[in-house]
Full PDB file with SEQRES, HELIX, SHEET, SSBOND, CRYST1, ORIGX, SCALE, CONECT and MASTER records, all heavy atoms in Angstrom:
SEQRES   1 A   38  ALA LEU VAL VAL SER GLU LEU VAL THR ASN ALA VAL GLN          
SEQRES   2 A   38  HIS ALA GLU GLY THR PRO VAL GLY LEU ARG MET TRP ARG          
SEQRES   3 A   38  ALA ALA HIS GLU LEU ARG ILE GLU VAL THR ASP GLY              
HELIX    1 AA1 LEU A    2  HIS A   14  1                                  13    
SHEET    1 AA1 2 GLY A  21  ARG A  26  0                                        
SHEET    2 AA1 2 LEU A  31  THR A  36 -1                                        
CRYST1    1.000    1.000    1.000  90.00  90.00  90.00 P 1           1          
ORIGX1      1.000000  0.000000  0.000000        0.00000                         
ORIGX2      0.000000  1.000000  0.000000        0.00000                         
ORIGX3      0.000000  0.000000  1.000000        0.00000                         
SCALE1      1.000000  0.000000  0.000000        0.00000                         
SCALE2      0.000000  1.000000  0.000000        0.00000                         
SCALE3      0.000000  0.000000  1.000000        0.00000                         
ATOM      1  N   ALA A   1     -48.171  24.374 -25.252  1.00  0.00           N  
ATOM      2  CA  ALA A   1     -47.393  23.217 -25.712  1.00  0.00           C  
ATOM      3  C   ALA A   1     -46.987  23.382 -27.172  1.00  0.00           C  
ATOM      4  O   ALA A   1     -45.845  23.079 -27.544  1.00  0.00           O  
ATOM      5  CB  ALA A   1     -48.191  21.931 -25.526  1.00  0.00           C  
ATOM      6  N   LEU A   2     -47.893  23.872 -28.002  1.00  0.00           N  
ATOM      7  CA  LEU A   2     -47.572  24.079 -29.411  1.00  0.00           C  
ATOM      8  C   LEU A   2     -46.501  25.150 -29.573  1.00  0.00           C  
ATOM      9  O   LEU A   2     -45.522  24.975 -30.307  1.00  0.00           O  
ATOM     10  CB  LEU A   2     -48.830  24.454 -30.199  1.00  0.00           C  
ATOM     11  CG  LEU A   2     -48.634  24.698 -31.686  1.00  0.00           C  
ATOM     12  CD1 LEU A   2     -48.003  23.495 -32.375  1.00  0.00           C  
ATOM     13  CD2 LEU A   2     -49.962  25.049 -32.334  1.00  0.00           C  
ATOM     14  N   VAL A   3     -46.651  26.262 -28.866  1.00  0.00           N  
ATOM     15  CA  VAL A   3     -45.673  27.346 -28.947  1.00  0.00           C  
ATOM     16  C   VAL A   3     -44.308  26.860 -28.458  1.00  0.00           C  
ATOM     17  O   VAL A   3     -43.283  27.109 -29.112  1.00  0.00           O  
ATOM     18  CB  VAL A   3     -46.152  28.564 -28.135  1.00  0.00           C  
ATOM     19  CG1 VAL A   3     -45.043  29.553 -27.905  1.00  0.00           C  
ATOM     20  CG2 VAL A   3     -47.332  29.228 -28.831  1.00  0.00           C  
ATOM     21  N   VAL A   4     -44.275  26.189 -27.324  1.00  0.00           N  
ATOM     22  CA  VAL A   4     -43.004  25.681 -26.794  1.00  0.00           C  
ATOM     23  C   VAL A   4     -42.385  24.710 -27.789  1.00  0.00           C  
ATOM     24  O   VAL A   4     -41.177  24.778 -28.062  1.00  0.00           O  
ATOM     25  CB  VAL A   4     -43.204  25.041 -25.402  1.00  0.00           C  
ATOM     26  CG1 VAL A   4     -41.991  24.196 -24.998  1.00  0.00           C  
ATOM     27  CG2 VAL A   4     -43.468  26.122 -24.370  1.00  0.00           C  
ATOM     28  N   SER A   5     -43.176  23.821 -28.368  1.00  0.00           N  
ATOM     29  CA  SER A   5     -42.651  22.872 -29.357  1.00  0.00           C  
ATOM     30  C   SER A   5     -41.991  23.595 -30.523  1.00  0.00           C  
ATOM     31  O   SER A   5     -40.878  23.256 -30.933  1.00  0.00           O  
ATOM     32  CB  SER A   5     -43.768  21.984 -29.904  1.00  0.00           C  
ATOM     33  OG  SER A   5     -44.218  21.098 -28.936  1.00  0.00           O  
ATOM     34  N   GLU A   6     -42.684  24.571 -31.069  1.00  0.00           N  
ATOM     35  CA  GLU A   6     -42.156  25.285 -32.232  1.00  0.00           C  
ATOM     36  C   GLU A   6     -40.914  26.093 -31.888  1.00  0.00           C  
ATOM     37  O   GLU A   6     -39.917  26.049 -32.618  1.00  0.00           O  
ATOM     38  CB  GLU A   6     -43.236  26.186 -32.840  1.00  0.00           C  
ATOM     39  CG  GLU A   6     -44.429  25.434 -33.394  1.00  0.00           C  
ATOM     40  CD  GLU A   6     -44.087  24.419 -34.479  1.00  0.00           C  
ATOM     41  OE1 GLU A   6     -43.060  24.585 -35.179  1.00  0.00           O  
ATOM     42  OE2 GLU A   6     -44.828  23.437 -34.628  1.00  0.00           O  
ATOM     43  N   LEU A   7     -40.954  26.852 -30.799  1.00  0.00           N  
ATOM     44  CA  LEU A   7     -39.818  27.703 -30.449  1.00  0.00           C  
ATOM     45  C   LEU A   7     -38.599  26.884 -30.024  1.00  0.00           C  
ATOM     46  O   LEU A   7     -37.469  27.208 -30.399  1.00  0.00           O  
ATOM     47  CB  LEU A   7     -40.201  28.706 -29.363  1.00  0.00           C  
ATOM     48  CG  LEU A   7     -41.258  29.741 -29.756  1.00  0.00           C  
ATOM     49  CD1 LEU A   7     -41.517  30.702 -28.594  1.00  0.00           C  
ATOM     50  CD2 LEU A   7     -40.882  30.495 -31.017  1.00  0.00           C  
ATOM     51  N   VAL A   8     -38.806  25.829 -29.254  1.00  0.00           N  
ATOM     52  CA  VAL A   8     -37.680  24.992 -28.822  1.00  0.00           C  
ATOM     53  C   VAL A   8     -37.112  24.225 -30.016  1.00  0.00           C  
ATOM     54  O   VAL A   8     -35.884  24.107 -30.149  1.00  0.00           O  
ATOM     55  CB  VAL A   8     -38.083  24.054 -27.662  1.00  0.00           C  
ATOM     56  CG1 VAL A   8     -36.992  23.022 -27.376  1.00  0.00           C  
ATOM     57  CG2 VAL A   8     -38.374  24.869 -26.407  1.00  0.00           C  
ATOM     58  N   THR A   9     -37.955  23.741 -30.908  1.00  0.00           N  
ATOM     59  CA  THR A   9     -37.465  23.058 -32.106  1.00  0.00           C  
ATOM     60  C   THR A   9     -36.576  23.989 -32.924  1.00  0.00           C  
ATOM     61  O   THR A   9     -35.475  23.607 -33.343  1.00  0.00           O  
ATOM     62  CB  THR A   9     -38.634  22.547 -32.969  1.00  0.00           C  
ATOM     63  OG1 THR A   9     -39.354  21.557 -32.233  1.00  0.00           O  
ATOM     64  CG2 THR A   9     -38.136  21.940 -34.275  1.00  0.00           C  
ATOM     65  N   ASN A  10     -37.031  25.216 -33.139  1.00  0.00           N  
ATOM     66  CA  ASN A  10     -36.207  26.193 -33.869  1.00  0.00           C  
ATOM     67  C   ASN A  10     -34.882  26.425 -33.160  1.00  0.00           C  
ATOM     68  O   ASN A  10     -33.824  26.476 -33.798  1.00  0.00           O  
ATOM     69  CB  ASN A  10     -36.946  27.523 -34.019  1.00  0.00           C  
ATOM     70  CG  ASN A  10     -38.041  27.479 -35.048  1.00  0.00           C  
ATOM     71  OD1 ASN A  10     -38.160  26.523 -35.808  1.00  0.00           O  
ATOM     72  ND2 ASN A  10     -38.850  28.515 -35.076  1.00  0.00           N  
ATOM     73  N   ALA A  11     -34.933  26.583 -31.843  1.00  0.00           N  
ATOM     74  CA  ALA A  11     -33.713  26.851 -31.079  1.00  0.00           C  
ATOM     75  C   ALA A  11     -32.744  25.679 -31.166  1.00  0.00           C  
ATOM     76  O   ALA A  11     -31.538  25.873 -31.366  1.00  0.00           O  
ATOM     77  CB  ALA A  11     -34.062  27.155 -29.619  1.00  0.00           C  
ATOM     78  N   VAL A  12     -33.247  24.467 -31.034  1.00  0.00           N  
ATOM     79  CA  VAL A  12     -32.395  23.280 -31.111  1.00  0.00           C  
ATOM     80  C   VAL A  12     -31.731  23.204 -32.494  1.00  0.00           C  
ATOM     81  O   VAL A  12     -30.550  22.878 -32.605  1.00  0.00           O  
ATOM     82  CB  VAL A  12     -33.217  22.006 -30.802  1.00  0.00           C  
ATOM     83  CG1 VAL A  12     -32.488  20.746 -31.221  1.00  0.00           C  
ATOM     84  CG2 VAL A  12     -33.558  21.954 -29.311  1.00  0.00           C  
ATOM     85  N   GLN A  13     -32.464  23.550 -33.539  1.00  0.00           N  
ATOM     86  CA  GLN A  13     -31.909  23.496 -34.895  1.00  0.00           C  
ATOM     87  C   GLN A  13     -30.856  24.569 -35.141  1.00  0.00           C  
ATOM     88  O   GLN A  13     -29.947  24.369 -35.938  1.00  0.00           O  
ATOM     89  CB  GLN A  13     -33.032  23.641 -35.927  1.00  0.00           C  
ATOM     90  CG  GLN A  13     -33.949  22.453 -35.983  1.00  0.00           C  
ATOM     91  CD  GLN A  13     -35.143  22.665 -36.899  1.00  0.00           C  
ATOM     92  OE1 GLN A  13     -35.428  23.779 -37.335  1.00  0.00           O  
ATOM     93  NE2 GLN A  13     -35.850  21.590 -37.178  1.00  0.00           N  
ATOM     94  N   HIS A  14     -30.953  25.703 -34.465  1.00  0.00           N  
ATOM     95  CA  HIS A  14     -30.067  26.826 -34.759  1.00  0.00           C  
ATOM     96  C   HIS A  14     -29.051  27.128 -33.659  1.00  0.00           C  
ATOM     97  O   HIS A  14     -28.247  28.049 -33.808  1.00  0.00           O  
ATOM     98  CB  HIS A  14     -30.895  28.084 -35.049  1.00  0.00           C  
ATOM     99  CG  HIS A  14     -31.790  27.912 -36.232  1.00  0.00           C  
ATOM    100  ND1 HIS A  14     -31.324  27.920 -37.522  1.00  0.00           N  
ATOM    101  CD2 HIS A  14     -33.122  27.689 -36.320  1.00  0.00           C  
ATOM    102  CE1 HIS A  14     -32.324  27.719 -38.358  1.00  0.00           C  
ATOM    103  NE2 HIS A  14     -33.423  27.567 -37.656  1.00  0.00           N  
ATOM    104  N   ALA A  15     -29.037  26.370 -32.591  1.00  0.00           N  
ATOM    105  CA  ALA A  15     -28.165  26.672 -31.444  1.00  0.00           C  
ATOM    106  C   ALA A  15     -26.696  26.388 -31.712  1.00  0.00           C  
ATOM    107  O   ALA A  15     -25.840  26.920 -31.012  1.00  0.00           O  
ATOM    108  CB  ALA A  15     -28.626  25.899 -30.215  1.00  0.00           C  
ATOM    109  N   GLU A  16     -26.400  25.552 -32.678  1.00  0.00           N  
ATOM    110  CA  GLU A  16     -25.009  25.225 -33.025  1.00  0.00           C  
ATOM    111  C   GLU A  16     -24.195  24.795 -31.814  1.00  0.00           C  
ATOM    112  O   GLU A  16     -23.070  25.252 -31.606  1.00  0.00           O  
ATOM    113  CB  GLU A  16     -24.356  26.401 -33.752  1.00  0.00           C  
ATOM    114  CG  GLU A  16     -25.045  26.745 -35.045  1.00  0.00           C  
ATOM    115  CD  GLU A  16     -24.457  27.953 -35.752  1.00  0.00           C  
ATOM    116  OE1 GLU A  16     -23.488  28.549 -35.250  1.00  0.00           O  
ATOM    117  OE2 GLU A  16     -24.990  28.298 -36.820  1.00  0.00           O  
ATOM    118  N   GLY A  17     -24.781  23.947 -30.975  1.00  0.00           N  
ATOM    119  CA  GLY A  17     -24.066  23.395 -29.833  1.00  0.00           C  
ATOM    120  C   GLY A  17     -24.098  24.221 -28.571  1.00  0.00           C  
ATOM    121  O   GLY A  17     -23.686  23.759 -27.521  1.00  0.00           O  
ATOM    122  N   THR A  18     -24.555  25.461 -28.643  1.00  0.00           N  
ATOM    123  CA  THR A  18     -24.643  26.285 -27.438  1.00  0.00           C  
ATOM    124  C   THR A  18     -25.908  25.935 -26.673  1.00  0.00           C  
ATOM    125  O   THR A  18     -26.891  25.480 -27.262  1.00  0.00           O  
ATOM    126  CB  THR A  18     -24.636  27.792 -27.774  1.00  0.00           C  
ATOM    127  OG1 THR A  18     -25.773  28.087 -28.583  1.00  0.00           O  
ATOM    128  CG2 THR A  18     -23.367  28.185 -28.509  1.00  0.00           C  
ATOM    129  N   PRO A  19     -25.930  26.151 -25.367  1.00  0.00           N  
ATOM    130  CA  PRO A  19     -27.126  25.825 -24.590  1.00  0.00           C  
ATOM    131  C   PRO A  19     -28.358  26.589 -25.072  1.00  0.00           C  
ATOM    132  O   PRO A  19     -28.264  27.705 -25.575  1.00  0.00           O  
ATOM    133  CB  PRO A  19     -26.759  26.239 -23.168  1.00  0.00           C  
ATOM    134  CG  PRO A  19     -25.273  26.174 -23.139  1.00  0.00           C  
ATOM    135  CD  PRO A  19     -24.834  26.598 -24.513  1.00  0.00           C  
ATOM    136  N   VAL A  20     -29.488  25.949 -24.899  1.00  0.00           N  
ATOM    137  CA  VAL A  20     -30.795  26.525 -25.208  1.00  0.00           C  
ATOM    138  C   VAL A  20     -31.476  26.804 -23.883  1.00  0.00           C  
ATOM    139  O   VAL A  20     -31.283  26.071 -22.911  1.00  0.00           O  
ATOM    140  CB  VAL A  20     -31.645  25.542 -26.056  1.00  0.00           C  
ATOM    141  CG1 VAL A  20     -33.067  26.032 -26.238  1.00  0.00           C  
ATOM    142  CG2 VAL A  20     -30.983  25.302 -27.407  1.00  0.00           C  
ATOM    143  N   GLY A  21     -32.254  27.862 -23.827  1.00  0.00           N  
ATOM    144  CA  GLY A  21     -32.976  28.184 -22.601  1.00  0.00           C  
ATOM    145  C   GLY A  21     -34.455  28.374 -22.866  1.00  0.00           C  
ATOM    146  O   GLY A  21     -34.848  28.920 -23.899  1.00  0.00           O  
ATOM    147  N   LEU A  22     -35.263  27.894 -21.952  1.00  0.00           N  
ATOM    148  CA  LEU A  22     -36.708  28.130 -21.965  1.00  0.00           C  
ATOM    149  C   LEU A  22     -37.039  28.848 -20.674  1.00  0.00           C  
ATOM    150  O   LEU A  22     -36.699  28.370 -19.591  1.00  0.00           O  
ATOM    151  CB  LEU A  22     -37.486  26.814 -22.042  1.00  0.00           C  
ATOM    152  CG  LEU A  22     -38.996  26.890 -21.753  1.00  0.00           C  
ATOM    153  CD1 LEU A  22     -39.713  27.724 -22.813  1.00  0.00           C  
ATOM    154  CD2 LEU A  22     -39.592  25.492 -21.664  1.00  0.00           C  
ATOM    155  N   ARG A  23     -37.652  29.998 -20.793  1.00  0.00           N  
ATOM    156  CA  ARG A  23     -38.119  30.739 -19.618  1.00  0.00           C  
ATOM    157  C   ARG A  23     -39.597  31.029 -19.823  1.00  0.00           C  
ATOM    158  O   ARG A  23     -40.016  31.432 -20.901  1.00  0.00           O  
ATOM    159  CB  ARG A  23     -37.345  32.038 -19.445  1.00  0.00           C  
ATOM    160  CG  ARG A  23     -37.841  32.818 -18.236  1.00  0.00           C  
ATOM    161  CD  ARG A  23     -37.045  34.042 -17.899  1.00  0.00           C  
ATOM    162  NE  ARG A  23     -36.403  34.649 -19.045  1.00  0.00           N  
ATOM    163  CZ  ARG A  23     -35.415  35.513 -18.959  1.00  0.00           C  
ATOM    164  NH1 ARG A  23     -34.931  35.862 -17.796  1.00  0.00           N  
ATOM    165  NH2 ARG A  23     -34.886  36.045 -20.042  1.00  0.00           N  
ATOM    166  N   MET A  24     -40.362  30.801 -18.778  1.00  0.00           N  
ATOM    167  CA  MET A  24     -41.792  31.074 -18.832  1.00  0.00           C  
ATOM    168  C   MET A  24     -42.181  31.782 -17.550  1.00  0.00           C  
ATOM    169  O   MET A  24     -41.748  31.392 -16.472  1.00  0.00           O  
ATOM    170  CB  MET A  24     -42.572  29.768 -18.968  1.00  0.00           C  
ATOM    171  CG  MET A  24     -44.053  29.965 -19.159  1.00  0.00           C  
ATOM    172  SD  MET A  24     -44.932  28.421 -19.432  1.00  0.00           S  
ATOM    173  CE  MET A  24     -44.058  27.758 -20.824  1.00  0.00           C  
ATOM    174  N   TRP A  25     -42.979  32.821 -17.688  1.00  0.00           N  
ATOM    175  CA  TRP A  25     -43.485  33.501 -16.512  1.00  0.00           C  
ATOM    176  C   TRP A  25     -44.891  33.980 -16.773  1.00  0.00           C  
ATOM    177  O   TRP A  25     -45.312  34.153 -17.908  1.00  0.00           O  
ATOM    178  CB  TRP A  25     -42.565  34.618 -16.049  1.00  0.00           C  
ATOM    179  CG  TRP A  25     -42.166  35.651 -17.052  1.00  0.00           C  
ATOM    180  CD1 TRP A  25     -41.065  35.631 -17.848  1.00  0.00           C  
ATOM    181  CD2 TRP A  25     -42.852  36.871 -17.358  1.00  0.00           C  
ATOM    182  NE1 TRP A  25     -41.018  36.764 -18.619  1.00  0.00           N  
ATOM    183  CE2 TRP A  25     -42.102  37.546 -18.336  1.00  0.00           C  
ATOM    184  CE3 TRP A  25     -44.028  37.471 -16.895  1.00  0.00           C  
ATOM    185  CZ2 TRP A  25     -42.478  38.767 -18.865  1.00  0.00           C  
ATOM    186  CZ3 TRP A  25     -44.402  38.695 -17.419  1.00  0.00           C  
ATOM    187  CH2 TRP A  25     -43.634  39.332 -18.387  1.00  0.00           C  
ATOM    188  N   ARG A  26     -45.595  34.129 -15.679  1.00  0.00           N  
ATOM    189  CA  ARG A  26     -46.972  34.606 -15.778  1.00  0.00           C  
ATOM    190  C   ARG A  26     -47.140  35.860 -14.954  1.00  0.00           C  
ATOM    191  O   ARG A  26     -46.554  36.004 -13.890  1.00  0.00           O  
ATOM    192  CB  ARG A  26     -47.957  33.547 -15.339  1.00  0.00           C  
ATOM    193  CG  ARG A  26     -47.824  33.194 -13.873  1.00  0.00           C  
ATOM    194  CD  ARG A  26     -48.980  32.428 -13.364  1.00  0.00           C  
ATOM    195  NE  ARG A  26     -50.174  33.237 -13.461  1.00  0.00           N  
ATOM    196  CZ  ARG A  26     -51.296  33.025 -12.821  1.00  0.00           C  
ATOM    197  NH1 ARG A  26     -51.384  32.002 -12.017  1.00  0.00           N  
ATOM    198  NH2 ARG A  26     -52.332  33.792 -12.946  1.00  0.00           N  
ATOM    199  N   ALA A  27     -47.914  36.755 -15.483  1.00  0.00           N  
ATOM    200  CA  ALA A  27     -48.301  37.973 -14.782  1.00  0.00           C  
ATOM    201  C   ALA A  27     -49.829  37.939 -14.712  1.00  0.00           C  
ATOM    202  O   ALA A  27     -50.447  36.920 -15.007  1.00  0.00           O  
ATOM    203  CB  ALA A  27     -47.789  39.198 -15.520  1.00  0.00           C  
ATOM    204  N   ALA A  28     -50.425  39.032 -14.353  1.00  0.00           N  
ATOM    205  CA  ALA A  28     -51.867  39.062 -14.142  1.00  0.00           C  
ATOM    206  C   ALA A  28     -52.663  38.650 -15.378  1.00  0.00           C  
ATOM    207  O   ALA A  28     -53.633  37.913 -15.274  1.00  0.00           O  
ATOM    208  CB  ALA A  28     -52.302  40.455 -13.692  1.00  0.00           C  
ATOM    209  N   HIS A  29     -52.244  39.083 -16.566  1.00  0.00           N  
ATOM    210  CA  HIS A  29     -53.073  38.855 -17.745  1.00  0.00           C  
ATOM    211  C   HIS A  29     -52.363  38.167 -18.895  1.00  0.00           C  
ATOM    212  O   HIS A  29     -52.928  38.047 -19.979  1.00  0.00           O  
ATOM    213  CB  HIS A  29     -53.656  40.192 -18.236  1.00  0.00           C  
ATOM    214  CG  HIS A  29     -54.458  40.882 -17.185  1.00  0.00           C  
ATOM    215  ND1 HIS A  29     -55.685  40.419 -16.763  1.00  0.00           N  
ATOM    216  CD2 HIS A  29     -54.194  41.970 -16.432  1.00  0.00           C  
ATOM    217  CE1 HIS A  29     -56.154  41.209 -15.807  1.00  0.00           C  
ATOM    218  NE2 HIS A  29     -55.263  42.157 -15.587  1.00  0.00           N  
ATOM    219  N   GLU A  30     -51.118  37.735 -18.671  1.00  0.00           N  
ATOM    220  CA  GLU A  30     -50.416  37.083 -19.770  1.00  0.00           C  
ATOM    221  C   GLU A  30     -49.464  36.007 -19.285  1.00  0.00           C  
ATOM    222  O   GLU A  30     -48.975  36.042 -18.154  1.00  0.00           O  
ATOM    223  CB  GLU A  30     -49.648  38.098 -20.622  1.00  0.00           C  
ATOM    224  CG  GLU A  30     -48.364  38.571 -20.006  1.00  0.00           C  
ATOM    225  CD  GLU A  30     -47.526  39.426 -20.948  1.00  0.00           C  
ATOM    226  OE1 GLU A  30     -47.711  39.372 -22.173  1.00  0.00           O  
ATOM    227  OE2 GLU A  30     -46.678  40.165 -20.428  1.00  0.00           O  
ATOM    228  N   LEU A  31     -49.233  35.053 -20.169  1.00  0.00           N  
ATOM    229  CA  LEU A  31     -48.215  34.033 -19.983  1.00  0.00           C  
ATOM    230  C   LEU A  31     -47.147  34.343 -21.024  1.00  0.00           C  
ATOM    231  O   LEU A  31     -47.444  34.433 -22.212  1.00  0.00           O  
ATOM    232  CB  LEU A  31     -48.800  32.640 -20.227  1.00  0.00           C  
ATOM    233  CG  LEU A  31     -47.816  31.479 -20.136  1.00  0.00           C  
ATOM    234  CD1 LEU A  31     -47.396  31.271 -18.683  1.00  0.00           C  
ATOM    235  CD2 LEU A  31     -48.437  30.217 -20.701  1.00  0.00           C  
ATOM    236  N   ARG A  32     -45.936  34.540 -20.580  1.00  0.00           N  
ATOM    237  CA  ARG A  32     -44.841  34.890 -21.499  1.00  0.00           C  
ATOM    238  C   ARG A  32     -43.907  33.695 -21.620  1.00  0.00           C  
ATOM    239  O   ARG A  32     -43.507  33.101 -20.610  1.00  0.00           O  
ATOM    240  CB  ARG A  32     -44.093  36.111 -20.969  1.00  0.00           C  
ATOM    241  CG  ARG A  32     -42.844  36.430 -21.721  1.00  0.00           C  
ATOM    242  CD  ARG A  32     -42.939  37.693 -22.473  1.00  0.00           C  
ATOM    243  NE  ARG A  32     -41.596  38.059 -22.950  1.00  0.00           N  
ATOM    244  CZ  ARG A  32     -41.329  39.169 -23.537  1.00  0.00           C  
ATOM    245  NH1 ARG A  32     -42.267  40.064 -23.709  1.00  0.00           N  
ATOM    246  NH2 ARG A  32     -40.122  39.426 -23.961  1.00  0.00           N  
ATOM    247  N   ILE A  33     -43.567  33.350 -22.851  1.00  0.00           N  
ATOM    248  CA  ILE A  33     -42.674  32.235 -23.155  1.00  0.00           C  
ATOM    249  C   ILE A  33     -41.491  32.802 -23.927  1.00  0.00           C  
ATOM    250  O   ILE A  33     -41.676  33.491 -24.929  1.00  0.00           O  
ATOM    251  CB  ILE A  33     -43.406  31.164 -23.986  1.00  0.00           C  
ATOM    252  CG1 ILE A  33     -44.606  30.620 -23.209  1.00  0.00           C  
ATOM    253  CG2 ILE A  33     -42.442  30.048 -24.388  1.00  0.00           C  
ATOM    254  CD1 ILE A  33     -45.560  29.781 -24.029  1.00  0.00           C  
ATOM    255  N   GLU A  34     -40.281  32.519 -23.445  1.00  0.00           N  
ATOM    256  CA  GLU A  34     -39.063  33.009 -24.078  1.00  0.00           C  
ATOM    257  C   GLU A  34     -38.111  31.836 -24.302  1.00  0.00           C  
ATOM    258  O   GLU A  34     -37.909  31.026 -23.401  1.00  0.00           O  
ATOM    259  CB  GLU A  34     -38.371  34.037 -23.181  1.00  0.00           C  
ATOM    260  CG  GLU A  34     -39.233  35.222 -22.843  1.00  0.00           C  
ATOM    261  CD  GLU A  34     -38.597  36.154 -21.809  1.00  0.00           C  
ATOM    262  OE1 GLU A  34     -37.568  35.775 -21.193  1.00  0.00           O  
ATOM    263  OE2 GLU A  34     -39.135  37.244 -21.609  1.00  0.00           O  
ATOM    264  N   VAL A  35     -37.547  31.755 -25.495  1.00  0.00           N  
ATOM    265  CA  VAL A  35     -36.592  30.699 -25.812  1.00  0.00           C  
ATOM    266  C   VAL A  35     -35.336  31.350 -26.383  1.00  0.00           C  
ATOM    267  O   VAL A  35     -35.414  32.148 -27.314  1.00  0.00           O  
ATOM    268  CB  VAL A  35     -37.180  29.680 -26.807  1.00  0.00           C  
ATOM    269  CG1 VAL A  35     -36.140  28.641 -27.194  1.00  0.00           C  
ATOM    270  CG2 VAL A  35     -38.412  29.000 -26.212  1.00  0.00           C  
ATOM    271  N   THR A  36     -34.184  31.010 -25.806  1.00  0.00           N  
ATOM    272  CA  THR A  36     -32.904  31.536 -26.274  1.00  0.00           C  
ATOM    273  C   THR A  36     -32.099  30.411 -26.901  1.00  0.00           C  
ATOM    274  O   THR A  36     -32.192  29.258 -26.481  1.00  0.00           O  
ATOM    275  CB  THR A  36     -32.091  32.150 -25.119  1.00  0.00           C  
ATOM    276  OG1 THR A  36     -31.907  31.149 -24.113  1.00  0.00           O  
ATOM    277  CG2 THR A  36     -32.793  33.346 -24.514  1.00  0.00           C  
ATOM    278  N   ASP A  37     -31.310  30.778 -27.918  1.00  0.00           N  
ATOM    279  CA  ASP A  37     -30.479  29.769 -28.573  1.00  0.00           C  
ATOM    280  C   ASP A  37     -29.056  30.227 -28.844  1.00  0.00           C  
ATOM    281  O   ASP A  37     -28.257  29.478 -29.384  1.00  0.00           O  
ATOM    282  CB  ASP A  37     -31.126  29.286 -29.867  1.00  0.00           C  
ATOM    283  CG  ASP A  37     -31.263  30.365 -30.925  1.00  0.00           C  
ATOM    284  OD1 ASP A  37     -30.679  31.454 -30.783  1.00  0.00           O  
ATOM    285  OD2 ASP A  37     -31.977  30.113 -31.910  1.00  0.00           O  
ATOM    286  N   GLY A  38     -28.725  31.450 -28.498  1.00  0.00           N  
ATOM    287  CA  GLY A  38     -27.365  31.936 -28.695  1.00  0.00           C  
ATOM    288  C   GLY A  38     -27.040  32.349 -30.125  1.00  0.00           C  
ATOM    289  O   GLY A  38     -25.982  32.901 -30.380  1.00  0.00           O  
TER     290      GLY A  38                                                      
MASTER        0    0    0    1    2    0    0    6  289    1    0    3          
END                                                                             
């Protein structure tokens, strides 16, 4: 939740009107969080 908050907040501030994306996936030993802002 903390990581998503920080990364999405940054993306929202820097996206300049372009869509933001949050992708999360899990594998055997890790949870990966990716945020795009264009």
